[in-house]
Structure formats: C-alpha cells, structure tokens
Amino acid sequence: MYKLTTFQESVRIPPNLFGLPLNKAALQILREQYERTMQKQHGIIVSLHNAKIKSDGKVIHGDGAAYYFRKEGGKRDEDSVQAQLDDRSAQAGKFKQKKLV
C-alpha cells in the first residue's frame, strides 16, 4: 500500500543548478537525497513529485550555494549550516606556513 505524504525540508542548491527553475532544481536535489530511502516517520520513500520553495534563499559566507530553509525551525537550520561552514573554514585555515629563505 502506498501513501501520499507532504513534508517540509530545507534544501541547498549548488551553483551549477542556478540555471534551472528554482522548483526544478530543488526537486532534483531532494530526489537525490530522499528517493529510495527509508525514514522512520515517512516509511520507504519511493518517489518525489513536487517541490515548492516558500522562503527566500540565503547565500552563506564561505559557500556559493543558495540555501532555502523550511519555515518552522528555519533559524536552527541556518545556524547549523553556518556552524558547519565555520568548522570547514577553521580546518582549512590550519596549514603549515613555510618560511622562504
């Protein structure tokens, strides 16, 4: 038996998909992420059919992608993404400088 479900999710759209219509780009990313997976609250996700972006996109410093956050819990999602980017940039900044003689 199949069940049609609607859910909200934040999505990161990379720069190489900026040429596509926004909803098509979001659907492509969400399909890659969720189709043919199993989730506790939704069961086995067979297929995604529609994506609607309902928030303004944000570009976060350190990443060229656009982030579209779900309305509920959106600030938490944004803070989480920013923390991950801060960790990456901190790790990238840890390199040894060589003295030129």
Protein backbone atom coordinates (compact mmCIF):
# COMPACT_ATOMS: atom_id res chain seq x y z
CA MET A 1 0.00 0.00 0.00
CA TYR A 2 1.27 3.47 -0.90
CA LYS A 3 0.60 6.72 0.88
CA LEU A 4 0.95 10.27 -0.46
CA THR A 5 2.70 12.47 2.10
CA THR A 6 3.70 16.12 2.22
CA PHE A 7 6.71 17.23 4.22
CA GLN A 8 8.89 20.29 4.66
CA GLU A 9 12.64 20.26 4.26
CA SER A 10 15.48 22.73 3.90
CA VAL A 11 17.44 22.44 0.68
CA ARG A 12 20.89 23.53 -0.51
CA ILE A 13 21.01 24.35 -4.21
CA PRO A 14 24.56 24.35 -5.60
CA PRO A 15 25.67 26.99 -8.13
CA ASN A 16 25.69 24.54 -11.06
CA LEU A 17 21.87 24.32 -10.79
CA PHE A 18 21.23 28.09 -10.73
CA GLY A 19 20.26 27.99 -14.42
CA LEU A 20 17.27 25.72 -13.74
CA PRO A 21 13.92 26.98 -12.50
CA LEU A 22 14.06 27.08 -8.70
CA ASN A 23 11.43 24.40 -8.03
CA LYS A 24 13.01 22.01 -10.58
CA ALA A 25 16.45 22.46 -9.01
CA ALA A 26 15.01 21.83 -5.52
CA LEU A 27 13.16 18.74 -6.75
CA GLN A 28 16.33 17.37 -8.34
CA ILE A 29 18.33 17.81 -5.11
CA LEU A 30 15.56 16.37 -2.93
CA ARG A 31 15.15 13.37 -5.24
CA GLU A 32 18.87 12.61 -4.99
CA GLN A 33 18.67 12.91 -1.22
CA TYR A 34 15.41 11.09 -0.42
CA GLU A 35 14.16 8.79 -3.18
CA ARG A 36 14.66 5.08 -2.48
CA THR A 37 15.35 5.71 1.21
CA MET A 38 13.61 4.66 4.41
CA GLN A 39 12.62 7.13 7.12
CA LYS A 40 11.01 6.50 10.48
CA GLN A 41 8.17 8.96 10.10
CA HIS A 42 7.55 8.54 6.34
CA GLY A 43 8.46 4.90 5.70
CA ILE A 44 10.04 3.99 2.36
CA ILE A 45 10.16 6.99 0.06
CA VAL A 46 9.58 5.71 -3.46
CA SER A 47 9.30 8.94 -5.40
CA LEU A 48 9.06 12.71 -5.03
CA HIS A 49 6.71 14.54 -7.36
CA ASN A 50 6.72 18.22 -6.48
CA ALA A 51 8.82 20.82 -4.69
CA LYS A 52 7.70 24.31 -3.77
CA ILE A 53 10.13 26.86 -2.38
CA LYS A 54 8.31 29.02 0.15
CA SER A 55 11.18 31.01 1.64
CA ASP A 56 13.75 33.49 0.45
CA GLY A 57 17.12 31.98 -0.36
CA LYS A 58 20.27 32.83 1.52
CA VAL A 59 23.87 32.61 0.46
CA ILE A 60 26.07 31.93 3.44
CA HIS A 61 29.63 33.26 3.58
CA GLY A 62 32.10 30.54 2.61
CA ASP A 63 29.73 28.61 0.35
CA GLY A 64 28.48 29.63 -3.10
CA ALA A 65 25.25 27.65 -2.86
CA ALA A 66 21.83 29.07 -2.07
CA TYR A 67 20.04 27.74 0.99
CA TYR A 68 16.26 27.65 1.25
CA PHE A 69 15.19 26.89 4.81
CA ARG A 70 11.87 25.44 5.88
CA LYS A 71 9.68 27.90 7.71
CA GLU A 72 9.46 26.02 11.00
CA GLY A 73 12.87 25.63 12.60
CA GLY A 74 14.47 27.63 9.81
CA LYS A 75 16.73 29.62 12.12
CA ARG A 76 18.05 26.41 13.69
CA ASP A 77 18.80 25.02 10.23
CA GLU A 78 20.59 28.21 9.22
CA ASP A 79 22.68 28.22 12.41
CA SER A 80 23.59 24.57 11.86
CA VAL A 81 24.76 25.22 8.30
CA GLN A 82 26.76 28.26 9.39
CA ALA A 83 28.44 26.22 12.15
CA GLN A 84 29.41 23.51 9.66
CA LEU A 85 30.90 26.09 7.30
CA ASP A 86 32.79 27.73 10.16
CA ASP A 87 34.25 24.33 11.10
CA ARG A 88 35.33 23.70 7.49
CA SER A 89 36.99 27.09 7.15
CA ALA A 90 38.75 26.64 10.50
CA GLN A 91 40.09 23.27 9.36
CA ALA A 92 41.16 24.72 6.02
CA GLY A 93 42.99 27.53 7.84
CA LYS A 94 45.15 25.05 9.76
CA PHE A 95 48.02 24.68 7.37
CA LYS A 96 51.70 24.97 8.00
CA GLN A 97 53.39 28.03 6.64
CA LYS A 98 56.86 27.50 5.25
CA LYS A 99 59.46 30.18 5.65
CA LEU A 100 61.14 31.18 2.47
CA VAL A 101 64.86 31.57 2.95
